[in-house]
Amino acid sequence: MSPFMNDINKQPLKTWMVVLCAGIYPVLFYVGNNYSLVNSWGHVVFFTLSFFILPLIGAELGARLLKKKLGLRWAELWLSFLGFGLFFFFFKVTLLEAPHRKITVLIIFLALIYAYFLSKHHRKMMVLQGLMGLLALFPLIGQIYHNLSLSESWKEIQKEVLNLELKVKPNIYLIQPDGLVNFSEMNRGYYQDQDTTFKSELNQLGFTHYPDFRSNYASTLSSNSALMMMKHHYYNFGENFSEALDARECIVSKNHVLTILKNNGYQSNLISQAPYLLVNHPKLGFDRTNFDFDDIGYLSKGFNLKANITNDLDQFLEEAPVGPQFYFIEFFNPGHIAGRRENSLGAHKERDLWLESMERGQVTIRDLVRLIQHRDPEGLIILLADHGGFVGLDYTNQIYTKTQDRDLIYSIFSSQLSIKWPKDLKPEQPINFTTSVNIFRLLLAHLSQNQSIGLDLESDASYVILNDEQYKGVYEYIDTHGAVNCKKVEQ
């Protein structure tokens, strides 16, 4: 054994060091891999209390009591038990949302065996735990620095747009099914679904469909942040295709759509099937939501709770105050295929599962539309998907690798847009809705009867992050005219 390890083994176990070493790597590992879920001061307080201060108090009280009653040896056994047990327990609670009591019992059992037979080696484990913590700390510091140094200039918008005065103020219902591909794409490419029953039902209800509509980005957060800000962010030139800087804040806290609607007397309502958009406890810009932060917790990834959005919308309609209302209603069918290779059943089976999920999503849409039409016949209903279903790929993370397969690329971005216009608001000339970033610019221009606002549009291109041997960075995958492209976007 090296002199260094000999010196360490001679040192008495310090309670604060045992707890710190047990908690530092699980916390940093979790935060580093879920930064957008935990970037609030509430999470800082939660992790500090739950992973350090409270365990430290318990460890210190237990050590003092055992030392006084049974001697130093038992106090060291106690600290070794905690140092081993807390380390794996913290991993368990951060990686698994469900309780999994059997795993907890197993950790306690193994910690007891460890403390009895290997407690004299716990100082070596603490060194290992500390080194693992340092390895996790450096990339996290880099991520935090990168996020804090990014410019927010992309959020800037003309004052003329923010000061829009709407001439007509219908109640607006934005219904967003996750991953619902446009009807124009459904019967071609890798989808090959010839069933037009749902489209016909929407036709009978008076919906106008917008074929070839698509999203500008490849995920819920990146697409919706551009939608609500009415601006391109280009993924903030990051390295994770599924995120954009403070995307949840751009969706539910402060954005240009909510600002304009609030300036025009609208109350805003967020109704979601699961608290995915609220999981990092952002400040709410919506007046009402169907989830409470206390119920969500601080270790949730946004799917630990499920709500009946039709019932919640019914309640919100019943309790709605006088004045125009904006409802953002989100649910997660059909969704997209499996995210990772290890979870995929292969392209063909994933397609079948997606089609089954699409049918469940159609049921939800029918229920919502019927409720709205019953309670608010003159409401403006927007059926807007956030992105495509990724059908044709084996798993969604394959989008990191460049392809020029037109059908695969459109499978990522094609998204359904159908609008039920109130009788007096249906445009005389069709509005050229092409991508999500410009929906509210064009819609608000129509409601304000200020067509000049609709002329200053963002690019209708769609973007992806590539990360293979030859292509790395943010690329324009579909150009503004709908043609497949692969042009790198420079900062």
Protein backbone atom coordinates (compact mmCIF):
# COMPACT_ATOMS: atom_id res chain seq x y z
CA MET A 1 0.00 0.00 0.00
CA SER A 2 1.27 3.48 -0.87
CA PRO A 3 2.33 5.90 1.91
CA PHE A 4 -0.55 8.15 0.82
CA MET A 5 -3.15 5.45 1.42
CA ASN A 6 -1.46 4.46 4.68
CA ASP A 7 -1.82 8.04 5.93
CA ILE A 8 -5.45 8.15 4.87
CA ASN A 9 -6.26 4.90 6.67
CA LYS A 10 -4.79 6.29 9.89
CA GLN A 11 -7.11 9.32 9.84
CA PRO A 12 -10.37 9.09 11.82
CA LEU A 13 -13.56 9.23 9.78
CA LYS A 14 -15.03 12.71 9.76
CA THR A 15 -18.81 12.82 9.52
CA TRP A 16 -19.01 15.76 7.14
CA MET A 17 -16.47 14.16 4.81
CA VAL A 18 -18.34 10.84 4.75
CA VAL A 19 -21.63 12.57 3.85
CA LEU A 20 -20.03 14.91 1.32
CA CYS A 21 -18.22 12.09 -0.48
CA ALA A 22 -21.37 9.96 -0.50
CA GLY A 23 -23.50 12.69 -2.04
CA ILE A 24 -21.24 14.71 -4.31
CA TYR A 25 -21.03 12.39 -7.30
CA PRO A 26 -24.73 11.32 -7.43
CA VAL A 27 -25.81 14.98 -7.25
CA LEU A 28 -23.34 16.25 -9.84
CA PHE A 29 -24.03 13.31 -12.14
CA TYR A 30 -27.77 13.92 -11.98
CA VAL A 31 -27.53 17.68 -12.42
CA GLY A 32 -25.06 17.36 -15.28
CA ASN A 33 -27.34 14.98 -17.16
CA ASN A 34 -30.57 16.82 -16.36
CA TYR A 35 -29.48 20.45 -16.20
CA SER A 36 -32.62 21.86 -17.80
CA LEU A 37 -34.75 20.00 -15.24
CA VAL A 38 -33.00 21.36 -12.15
CA ASN A 39 -31.87 24.89 -13.02
CA SER A 40 -33.83 26.69 -10.31
CA TRP A 41 -32.91 28.01 -6.87
CA GLY A 42 -35.52 25.71 -5.41
CA HIS A 43 -33.54 22.75 -6.71
CA VAL A 44 -30.33 24.13 -5.18
CA VAL A 45 -32.03 24.33 -1.79
CA PHE A 46 -33.58 20.87 -2.22
CA PHE A 47 -30.31 19.14 -3.12
CA THR A 48 -28.37 20.95 -0.36
CA LEU A 49 -30.89 19.99 2.30
CA SER A 50 -31.76 16.48 1.13
CA PHE A 51 -28.34 15.24 0.04
CA PHE A 52 -26.04 17.00 2.52
CA ILE A 53 -27.45 18.92 5.48
CA LEU A 54 -30.15 16.50 6.67
CA PRO A 55 -27.96 13.37 6.16
CA LEU A 56 -25.14 15.18 7.95
CA ILE A 57 -27.35 15.91 10.98
CA GLY A 58 -28.51 12.29 11.12
CA ALA A 59 -25.01 10.93 10.66
CA GLU A 60 -23.53 13.17 13.34
CA LEU A 61 -26.25 12.42 15.90
CA GLY A 62 -25.93 8.68 15.28
CA ALA A 63 -22.14 8.75 15.49
CA ARG A 64 -22.13 10.66 18.77
CA LEU A 65 -24.71 8.39 20.35
CA LEU A 66 -22.93 5.19 19.30
CA LYS A 67 -19.54 6.53 20.37
CA LYS A 68 -20.92 7.44 23.79
CA LYS A 69 -22.80 4.18 24.35
CA LEU A 70 -20.71 1.56 22.51
CA GLY A 71 -17.37 3.15 21.67
CA LEU A 72 -15.49 4.58 18.70
CA ARG A 73 -15.53 1.29 16.74
CA TRP A 74 -19.33 1.33 16.47
CA ALA A 75 -19.33 4.98 15.43
CA GLU A 76 -16.94 4.11 12.57
CA LEU A 77 -19.12 1.17 11.55
CA TRP A 78 -22.10 3.54 11.46
CA LEU A 79 -20.28 6.06 9.26
CA SER A 80 -19.04 3.35 6.91
CA PHE A 81 -22.58 2.01 6.63
CA LEU A 82 -23.88 5.47 5.79
CA GLY A 83 -21.02 6.28 3.39
CA PHE A 84 -21.75 3.18 1.34
CA GLY A 85 -25.53 3.15 1.72
CA LEU A 86 -26.17 6.84 1.03
CA PHE A 87 -23.99 6.74 -2.08
CA PHE A 88 -26.11 4.05 -3.74
CA PHE A 89 -29.38 5.29 -2.26
CA PHE A 90 -28.79 8.73 -3.77
CA PHE A 91 -28.22 7.09 -7.14
CA LYS A 92 -31.44 5.16 -6.73
CA VAL A 93 -33.60 8.18 -5.93
CA THR A 94 -32.14 10.29 -8.74
CA LEU A 95 -32.36 7.63 -11.44
CA LEU A 96 -35.71 6.08 -10.52
CA GLU A 97 -38.81 8.17 -9.89
CA ALA A 98 -40.79 5.26 -8.39
CA PRO A 99 -40.06 4.19 -4.77
CA HIS A 100 -38.66 0.69 -5.59
CA ARG A 101 -38.60 -0.37 -1.95
CA LYS A 102 -36.96 -3.71 -2.76
CA ILE A 103 -33.93 -1.86 -4.12
CA THR A 104 -33.76 0.22 -0.93
CA VAL A 105 -33.85 -2.95 1.19
CA LEU A 106 -31.08 -4.46 -0.95
CA ILE A 107 -28.92 -1.33 -0.51
CA ILE A 108 -29.38 -1.47 3.27
CA PHE A 109 -28.45 -5.17 3.33
CA LEU A 110 -25.31 -4.63 1.23
CA ALA A 111 -24.35 -1.58 3.31
CA LEU A 112 -24.56 -3.66 6.49
CA ILE A 113 -22.30 -6.36 5.01
CA TYR A 114 -19.90 -3.68 3.75
CA ALA A 115 -19.73 -1.97 7.15
CA TYR A 116 -19.12 -5.22 8.99
CA PHE A 117 -16.41 -6.63 6.72
CA LEU A 118 -14.91 -3.63 4.88
CA SER A 119 -15.32 -0.61 7.13
CA LYS A 120 -11.54 -0.31 7.55
CA HIS A 121 -11.28 0.35 3.81
CA HIS A 122 -13.95 3.05 3.69
CA ARG A 123 -11.39 5.83 3.48
CA LYS A 124 -10.28 4.37 0.15
CA MET A 125 -13.87 4.42 -1.05
CA MET A 126 -14.14 8.07 0.00
CA VAL A 127 -11.10 8.90 -2.13
CA LEU A 128 -12.76 7.13 -5.07
CA GLN A 129 -16.04 8.93 -4.45
CA GLY A 130 -14.24 12.27 -4.32
CA LEU A 131 -12.39 11.62 -7.57
CA MET A 132 -15.66 10.65 -9.26
CA GLY A 133 -17.17 13.90 -7.99
CA LEU A 134 -14.32 15.93 -9.49
CA LEU A 135 -14.74 14.16 -12.82
CA ALA A 136 -18.43 15.08 -12.81
CA LEU A 137 -17.79 18.65 -11.64
CA PHE A 138 -15.61 19.88 -14.49
CA PRO A 139 -18.04 19.21 -17.37
CA LEU A 140 -20.88 20.64 -15.28
CA ILE A 141 -18.94 23.87 -14.72
CA GLY A 142 -18.37 24.05 -18.47
CA GLN A 143 -22.08 23.55 -19.14
CA ILE A 144 -23.11 26.22 -16.64
CA TYR A 145 -20.55 28.66 -18.05
CA HIS A 146 -21.73 27.95 -21.61
CA ASN A 147 -25.36 28.54 -20.67
CA LEU A 148 -24.66 31.72 -18.71
CA SER A 149 -22.50 33.16 -21.49
CA LEU A 150 -25.03 32.63 -24.28
CA SER A 151 -26.57 35.75 -25.73
CA GLU A 152 -30.29 36.33 -25.35
CA SER A 153 -30.39 38.63 -28.35
CA TRP A 154 -32.40 36.03 -30.28
CA LYS A 155 -35.39 36.87 -28.07
CA GLU A 156 -35.56 40.48 -29.21
CA ILE A 157 -38.61 41.42 -31.25
CA GLN A 158 -40.02 44.61 -32.73
CA LYS A 159 -42.05 46.81 -30.37
CA GLU A 160 -44.66 47.09 -33.08
CA VAL A 161 -45.34 43.37 -32.68
CA LEU A 162 -45.48 43.46 -28.87
CA ASN A 163 -47.85 46.43 -28.97
CA LEU A 164 -50.33 44.81 -31.35
CA GLU A 165 -53.93 45.75 -30.68
CA LEU A 166 -56.25 42.89 -31.55
CA LYS A 167 -59.46 43.96 -33.26
CA VAL A 168 -61.21 40.66 -32.48
CA LYS A 169 -60.57 38.56 -29.39
CA PRO A 170 -61.97 35.05 -29.63
CA ASN A 171 -61.12 32.47 -27.02
CA ILE A 172 -58.09 30.64 -28.41
CA TYR A 173 -57.56 26.93 -27.83
CA LEU A 174 -54.13 25.60 -28.79
CA ILE A 175 -54.36 21.79 -28.68
CA GLN A 176 -50.95 20.16 -29.00
CA PRO A 177 -50.65 16.40 -29.50
CA ASP A 178 -47.04 15.31 -29.28
CA GLY A 179 -45.54 13.96 -32.51
CA LEU A 180 -48.67 13.99 -34.74
CA VAL A 181 -47.50 13.99 -38.36
CA ASN A 182 -49.30 16.11 -40.97
CA PHE A 183 -52.05 14.45 -42.98
CA SER A 184 -50.07 15.22 -46.14
CA GLU A 185 -47.25 12.97 -44.90
CA MET A 186 -49.27 10.26 -43.21
CA ASN A 187 -49.99 8.22 -46.33
CA ARG A 188 -46.48 8.30 -47.75
CA GLY A 189 -42.88 7.62 -46.81
CA TYR A 190 -42.39 5.37 -43.80
CA TYR A 191 -45.87 5.95 -42.35
CA GLN A 192 -48.02 4.42 -45.11
CA ASP A 193 -51.25 4.96 -43.22
CA GLN A 194 -54.15 5.19 -45.68
CA ASP A 195 -56.91 5.64 -43.07
CA THR A 196 -58.50 9.07 -43.62
CA THR A 197 -61.36 8.64 -41.12
CA PHE A 198 -59.98 11.13 -38.60
CA LYS A 199 -59.29 13.73 -41.28
CA SER A 200 -62.85 13.35 -42.56
CA GLU A 201 -64.22 13.83 -39.04
CA LEU A 202 -62.30 17.07 -38.67
CA ASN A 203 -63.56 18.16 -42.08
CA GLN A 204 -67.14 17.67 -40.91
CA LEU A 205 -66.42 19.73 -37.81
CA GLY A 206 -65.28 22.61 -40.00
CA PHE A 207 -61.51 22.41 -39.61
CA THR A 208 -59.20 23.83 -42.26
CA HIS A 209 -56.09 21.72 -42.84
CA TYR A 210 -52.67 23.08 -43.76
CA PRO A 211 -50.78 20.42 -45.76
CA ASP A 212 -46.98 20.15 -45.68
CA PHE A 213 -46.83 22.10 -42.43
CA ARG A 214 -43.79 21.27 -40.27
CA SER A 215 -41.89 22.25 -37.16
CA ASN A 216 -38.64 24.17 -37.22
CA TYR A 217 -37.01 22.02 -34.54
CA ALA A 218 -36.85 18.38 -33.55
CA SER A 219 -38.22 18.30 -30.00
CA THR A 220 -41.06 19.59 -27.85
CA LEU A 221 -38.93 22.12 -25.96
CA SER A 222 -36.98 23.45 -28.92
CA SER A 223 -40.08 23.67 -31.13
CA ASN A 224 -42.37 25.27 -28.55
CA SER A 225 -39.82 27.82 -27.39
CA ALA A 226 -39.55 29.07 -30.99
CA LEU A 227 -43.34 28.92 -31.32
CA MET A 228 -44.05 31.05 -28.24
CA MET A 229 -41.16 33.47 -28.75
CA MET A 230 -41.94 33.74 -32.50
CA LYS A 231 -38.19 33.67 -33.06
CA HIS A 232 -35.44 31.24 -34.06
CA HIS A 233 -32.95 30.15 -31.39
CA TYR A 234 -31.01 27.56 -33.47
CA TYR A 235 -30.80 25.32 -30.39
CA ASN A 236 -28.53 28.03 -28.93
CA PHE A 237 -25.83 26.23 -30.92
CA GLY A 238 -25.72 23.60 -28.17
CA GLU A 239 -24.79 19.93 -28.34
CA ASN A 240 -28.08 18.33 -27.26
CA PHE A 241 -30.74 18.13 -29.95
CA SER A 242 -33.58 17.90 -27.45
CA GLU A 243 -32.93 21.10 -25.55
CA ALA A 244 -32.57 24.83 -25.98
CA LEU A 245 -31.38 27.28 -23.33
CA ASP A 246 -34.12 28.04 -20.77
CA ALA A 247 -36.68 26.51 -23.14
CA ARG A 248 -39.26 25.93 -20.41
CA GLU A 249 -39.00 29.54 -19.29
CA CYS A 250 -39.56 30.62 -22.89
CA ILE A 251 -42.68 28.48 -23.05
CA VAL A 252 -44.38 28.90 -19.66
CA SER A 253 -42.73 31.91 -17.99
CA LYS A 254 -42.24 34.85 -20.31
CA ASN A 255 -42.70 34.90 -24.05
CA HIS A 256 -43.96 37.25 -26.74
CA VAL A 257 -47.23 35.40 -27.34
CA LEU A 258 -48.28 35.65 -23.68
CA THR A 259 -47.17 39.28 -23.54
CA ILE A 260 -49.27 40.27 -26.56
CA LEU A 261 -52.31 38.36 -25.36
CA LYS A 262 -52.02 39.77 -21.85
CA ASN A 263 -51.76 43.30 -23.27
CA ASN A 264 -55.05 42.59 -25.00
CA GLY A 265 -56.87 41.45 -21.88
CA TYR A 266 -56.47 37.68 -22.26
CA GLN A 267 -56.17 35.31 -19.33
CA SER A 268 -53.87 32.37 -20.07
CA ASN A 269 -54.38 28.73 -19.06
CA LEU A 270 -51.89 25.85 -19.28
CA ILE A 271 -53.40 22.36 -19.21
CA SER A 272 -51.06 19.40 -19.63
CA GLN A 273 -51.38 15.65 -19.39
CA ALA A 274 -48.10 15.55 -17.42
CA PRO A 275 -46.01 18.34 -15.84
CA TYR A 276 -43.20 18.05 -18.39
CA LEU A 277 -43.08 21.81 -19.02
CA LEU A 278 -43.13 22.62 -15.30
CA VAL A 279 -40.63 20.09 -13.98
CA ASN A 280 -37.87 22.63 -13.25
CA HIS A 281 -40.32 24.80 -11.30
CA PRO A 282 -40.12 27.84 -13.60
CA LYS A 283 -41.86 31.09 -12.77
CA LEU A 284 -45.32 30.90 -14.28
CA GLY A 285 -46.42 33.40 -16.93
CA PHE A 286 -49.73 31.58 -17.34
CA ASP A 287 -52.50 32.67 -15.00
CA ARG A 288 -53.66 29.12 -14.31
CA THR A 289 -52.28 25.61 -14.68
CA ASN A 290 -53.62 22.19 -13.77
CA PHE A 291 -50.51 21.15 -11.82
CA ASP A 292 -49.14 22.41 -8.54
CA PHE A 293 -45.38 22.60 -8.01
CA ASP A 294 -45.73 20.94 -4.61
CA ASP A 295 -47.17 17.86 -6.30
CA ILE A 296 -44.46 17.69 -8.96
CA GLY A 297 -41.48 17.46 -6.58
CA TYR A 298 -37.82 18.17 -7.32
CA LEU A 299 -36.66 14.82 -8.71
CA SER A 300 -39.36 14.39 -11.32
CA LYS A 301 -38.62 14.19 -15.04
CA GLY A 302 -42.10 15.37 -15.80
CA PHE A 303 -44.04 12.15 -16.23
CA ASN A 304 -44.59 11.01 -12.64
CA LEU A 305 -48.09 12.52 -12.63
CA LYS A 306 -50.91 12.14 -15.14
CA ALA A 307 -53.96 14.35 -15.52
CA ASN A 308 -57.25 13.91 -17.36
CA ILE A 309 -56.96 16.98 -19.56
CA THR A 310 -60.54 16.80 -20.81
CA ASN A 311 -61.88 16.94 -17.25
CA ASP A 312 -59.40 19.68 -16.34
CA LEU A 313 -60.40 21.76 -19.38
CA ASP A 314 -64.06 21.32 -18.47
CA GLN A 315 -63.33 22.62 -14.97
CA PHE A 316 -61.29 25.54 -16.30
CA LEU A 317 -64.13 26.47 -18.67
CA GLU A 318 -66.59 26.31 -15.81
CA GLU A 319 -64.46 28.61 -13.66
CA ALA A 320 -63.28 30.98 -16.41
CA PRO A 321 -63.68 34.66 -15.52
CA VAL A 322 -65.16 37.22 -17.86
CA GLY A 323 -62.85 38.15 -20.71
CA PRO A 324 -61.00 36.43 -23.55
CA GLN A 325 -59.14 33.22 -22.70
CA PHE A 326 -56.07 31.48 -24.15
CA TYR A 327 -55.76 27.73 -23.48
CA PHE A 328 -52.56 25.79 -24.19
CA ILE A 329 -53.52 22.11 -23.96
CA GLU A 330 -50.69 19.57 -24.23
CA PHE A 331 -50.73 15.77 -24.28
CA PHE A 332 -48.26 13.09 -25.30
CA ASN A 333 -49.91 10.91 -27.93
CA PRO A 334 -48.88 9.73 -30.39
CA GLY A 335 -45.41 10.87 -29.27
CA HIS A 336 -42.41 9.52 -31.10
CA ILE A 337 -40.56 6.24 -31.40
CA ALA A 338 -38.08 5.01 -28.77
CA GLY A 339 -35.33 7.48 -27.97
CA ARG A 340 -32.33 5.16 -27.63
CA ARG A 341 -31.02 2.10 -29.43
CA GLU A 342 -31.30 -0.11 -26.34
CA ASN A 343 -35.01 0.69 -26.00
CA SER A 344 -35.92 0.27 -29.66
CA LEU A 345 -37.86 -2.67 -31.08
CA GLY A 346 -36.72 -1.84 -34.60
CA ALA A 347 -38.15 0.53 -37.20
CA HIS A 348 -41.11 -1.65 -38.26
CA LYS A 349 -42.30 -2.45 -34.74
CA GLU A 350 -41.78 1.14 -33.61
CA ARG A 351 -43.99 2.25 -36.52
CA ASP A 352 -46.75 -0.11 -35.39
CA LEU A 353 -46.55 1.18 -31.82
CA TRP A 354 -46.66 4.77 -33.06
CA LEU A 355 -49.81 4.09 -35.10
CA GLU A 356 -51.47 2.54 -32.05
CA SER A 357 -50.55 5.59 -29.97
CA MET A 358 -51.85 7.87 -32.72
CA GLU A 359 -55.28 6.26 -32.43
CA ARG A 360 -55.30 7.01 -28.70
CA GLY A 361 -54.30 10.58 -29.44
CA GLN A 362 -57.16 10.93 -31.92
CA VAL A 363 -59.61 9.88 -29.21
CA THR A 364 -58.27 12.64 -26.95
CA ILE A 365 -58.55 15.22 -29.73
CA ARG A 366 -62.16 14.23 -30.43
CA ASP A 367 -63.05 14.56 -26.74
CA LEU A 368 -61.40 17.97 -26.45
CA VAL A 369 -62.94 19.36 -29.62
CA ARG A 370 -66.44 18.16 -28.70
CA LEU A 371 -66.13 19.74 -25.27
CA ILE A 372 -64.94 23.06 -26.69
CA GLN A 373 -67.61 23.18 -29.37
CA HIS A 374 -70.28 22.39 -26.78
CA ARG A 375 -69.08 25.00 -24.29
CA ASP A 376 -67.69 27.62 -26.69
CA PRO A 377 -69.02 27.27 -30.27
CA GLU A 378 -67.23 30.43 -31.43
CA GLY A 379 -63.83 29.50 -30.00
CA LEU A 380 -60.78 29.49 -32.27
CA ILE A 381 -59.35 25.96 -32.12
CA ILE A 382 -55.78 25.32 -33.29
CA LEU A 383 -54.66 21.70 -33.57
CA LEU A 384 -50.89 21.93 -33.73
CA ALA A 385 -48.32 19.17 -33.24
CA ASP A 386 -44.86 20.01 -31.94
CA HIS A 387 -42.84 17.80 -34.33
CA GLY A 388 -43.02 14.50 -36.20
CA GLY A 389 -43.09 10.92 -35.00
CA PHE A 390 -39.60 9.87 -36.24
CA VAL A 391 -41.14 6.78 -37.87
CA GLY A 392 -38.67 5.09 -40.23
CA LEU A 393 -35.78 5.54 -37.82
CA ASP A 394 -34.89 2.78 -35.39
CA TYR A 395 -34.69 5.32 -32.55
CA THR A 396 -34.86 9.12 -32.31
CA ASN A 397 -31.20 9.70 -31.45
CA GLN A 398 -30.33 8.58 -34.97
CA ILE A 399 -31.07 12.12 -36.08
CA TYR A 400 -27.58 13.00 -34.87
CA THR A 401 -26.26 11.19 -37.95
CA LYS A 402 -26.63 12.91 -41.31
CA THR A 403 -29.08 11.56 -43.86
CA GLN A 404 -30.46 12.96 -47.09
CA ASP A 405 -33.43 10.60 -47.10
CA ARG A 406 -36.29 13.01 -47.70
CA ASP A 407 -38.90 10.79 -46.02
CA LEU A 408 -36.80 10.32 -42.88
CA ILE A 409 -36.18 14.03 -42.57
CA TYR A 410 -39.85 14.89 -43.03
CA SER A 411 -40.72 12.18 -40.51
CA ILE A 412 -38.81 14.25 -37.95
CA PHE A 413 -40.35 17.64 -38.75
CA SER A 414 -43.75 17.09 -40.41
CA SER A 415 -46.48 18.13 -37.97
CA GLN A 416 -50.22 18.51 -38.16
CA LEU A 417 -51.87 21.92 -38.31
CA SER A 418 -55.65 22.21 -38.53
CA ILE A 419 -57.67 25.25 -37.48
CA LYS A 420 -61.35 25.60 -36.66
CA TRP A 421 -62.08 29.23 -37.47
CA PRO A 422 -65.09 31.01 -35.96
CA LYS A 423 -67.59 31.90 -38.69
CA ASP A 424 -66.72 35.58 -38.83
CA LEU A 425 -62.96 35.07 -38.60
CA LYS A 426 -62.22 32.63 -41.38
CA PRO A 427 -59.70 34.35 -43.70
CA GLU A 428 -60.98 35.31 -47.13
CA GLN A 429 -57.61 34.36 -48.54
CA PRO A 430 -55.79 31.31 -47.12
CA ILE A 431 -53.01 32.17 -44.70
CA ASN A 432 -49.69 30.63 -45.68
CA PHE A 433 -48.92 28.73 -42.48
CA THR A 434 -45.71 26.82 -43.21
CA THR A 435 -43.78 26.32 -39.95
CA SER A 436 -44.44 26.75 -36.23
CA VAL A 437 -42.16 29.74 -35.64
CA ASN A 438 -44.47 31.96 -37.73
CA ILE A 439 -47.89 30.68 -36.64
CA PHE A 440 -48.58 33.36 -34.06
CA ARG A 441 -47.09 36.13 -36.20
CA LEU A 442 -49.58 35.28 -38.94
CA LEU A 443 -52.48 34.55 -36.58
CA LEU A 444 -52.05 37.76 -34.59
CA ALA A 445 -51.66 39.76 -37.79
CA HIS A 446 -55.04 38.36 -38.85
CA LEU A 447 -56.71 39.11 -35.49
CA SER A 448 -55.24 42.62 -35.41
CA GLN A 449 -56.07 43.29 -39.06
CA ASN A 450 -52.50 44.54 -39.34
CA GLN A 451 -51.13 42.60 -42.27
CA SER A 452 -47.75 44.36 -42.15
CA ILE A 453 -46.88 42.30 -39.06
CA GLY A 454 -47.31 39.16 -41.11
CA LEU A 455 -44.77 40.33 -43.66
CA ASP A 456 -41.77 40.35 -41.31
CA LEU A 457 -41.53 36.61 -40.85
CA GLU A 458 -38.81 34.33 -39.56
CA SER A 459 -37.24 31.80 -41.91
CA ASP A 460 -39.44 28.75 -42.55
CA ALA A 461 -36.40 26.46 -42.48
CA SER A 462 -36.13 23.42 -40.19
CA TYR A 463 -32.98 22.74 -38.19
CA VAL A 464 -31.23 19.75 -36.64
CA ILE A 465 -28.08 19.12 -34.66
CA LEU A 466 -25.69 16.65 -36.28
CA ASN A 467 -22.88 14.92 -34.47
CA ASP A 468 -21.21 12.31 -36.63
CA GLU A 469 -17.69 11.98 -38.00
CA GLN A 470 -18.06 14.59 -40.76
CA TYR A 471 -20.96 16.80 -39.69
CA LYS A 472 -20.99 18.50 -36.30
CA GLY A 473 -23.14 21.46 -35.29
CA VAL A 474 -26.49 23.00 -36.17
CA TYR A 475 -27.63 22.39 -39.74
CA GLU A 476 -30.50 23.61 -41.86
CA TYR A 477 -32.13 20.30 -42.86
CA ILE A 478 -35.11 21.68 -44.80
CA ASP A 479 -34.91 25.07 -46.46
CA THR A 480 -37.59 27.74 -46.41
CA HIS A 481 -39.15 26.32 -49.59
CA GLY A 482 -39.41 22.78 -48.19
CA ALA A 483 -36.44 21.28 -50.03
CA VAL A 484 -34.11 18.88 -48.22
CA ASN A 485 -30.85 20.63 -47.40
CA CYS A 486 -27.76 20.21 -45.25
CA LYS A 487 -26.29 23.64 -44.68
CA LYS A 488 -24.39 24.43 -41.51
CA VAL A 489 -25.66 27.38 -39.49
CA GLU A 490 -22.82 29.59 -38.27
CA GLN A 491 -23.06 31.72 -35.13
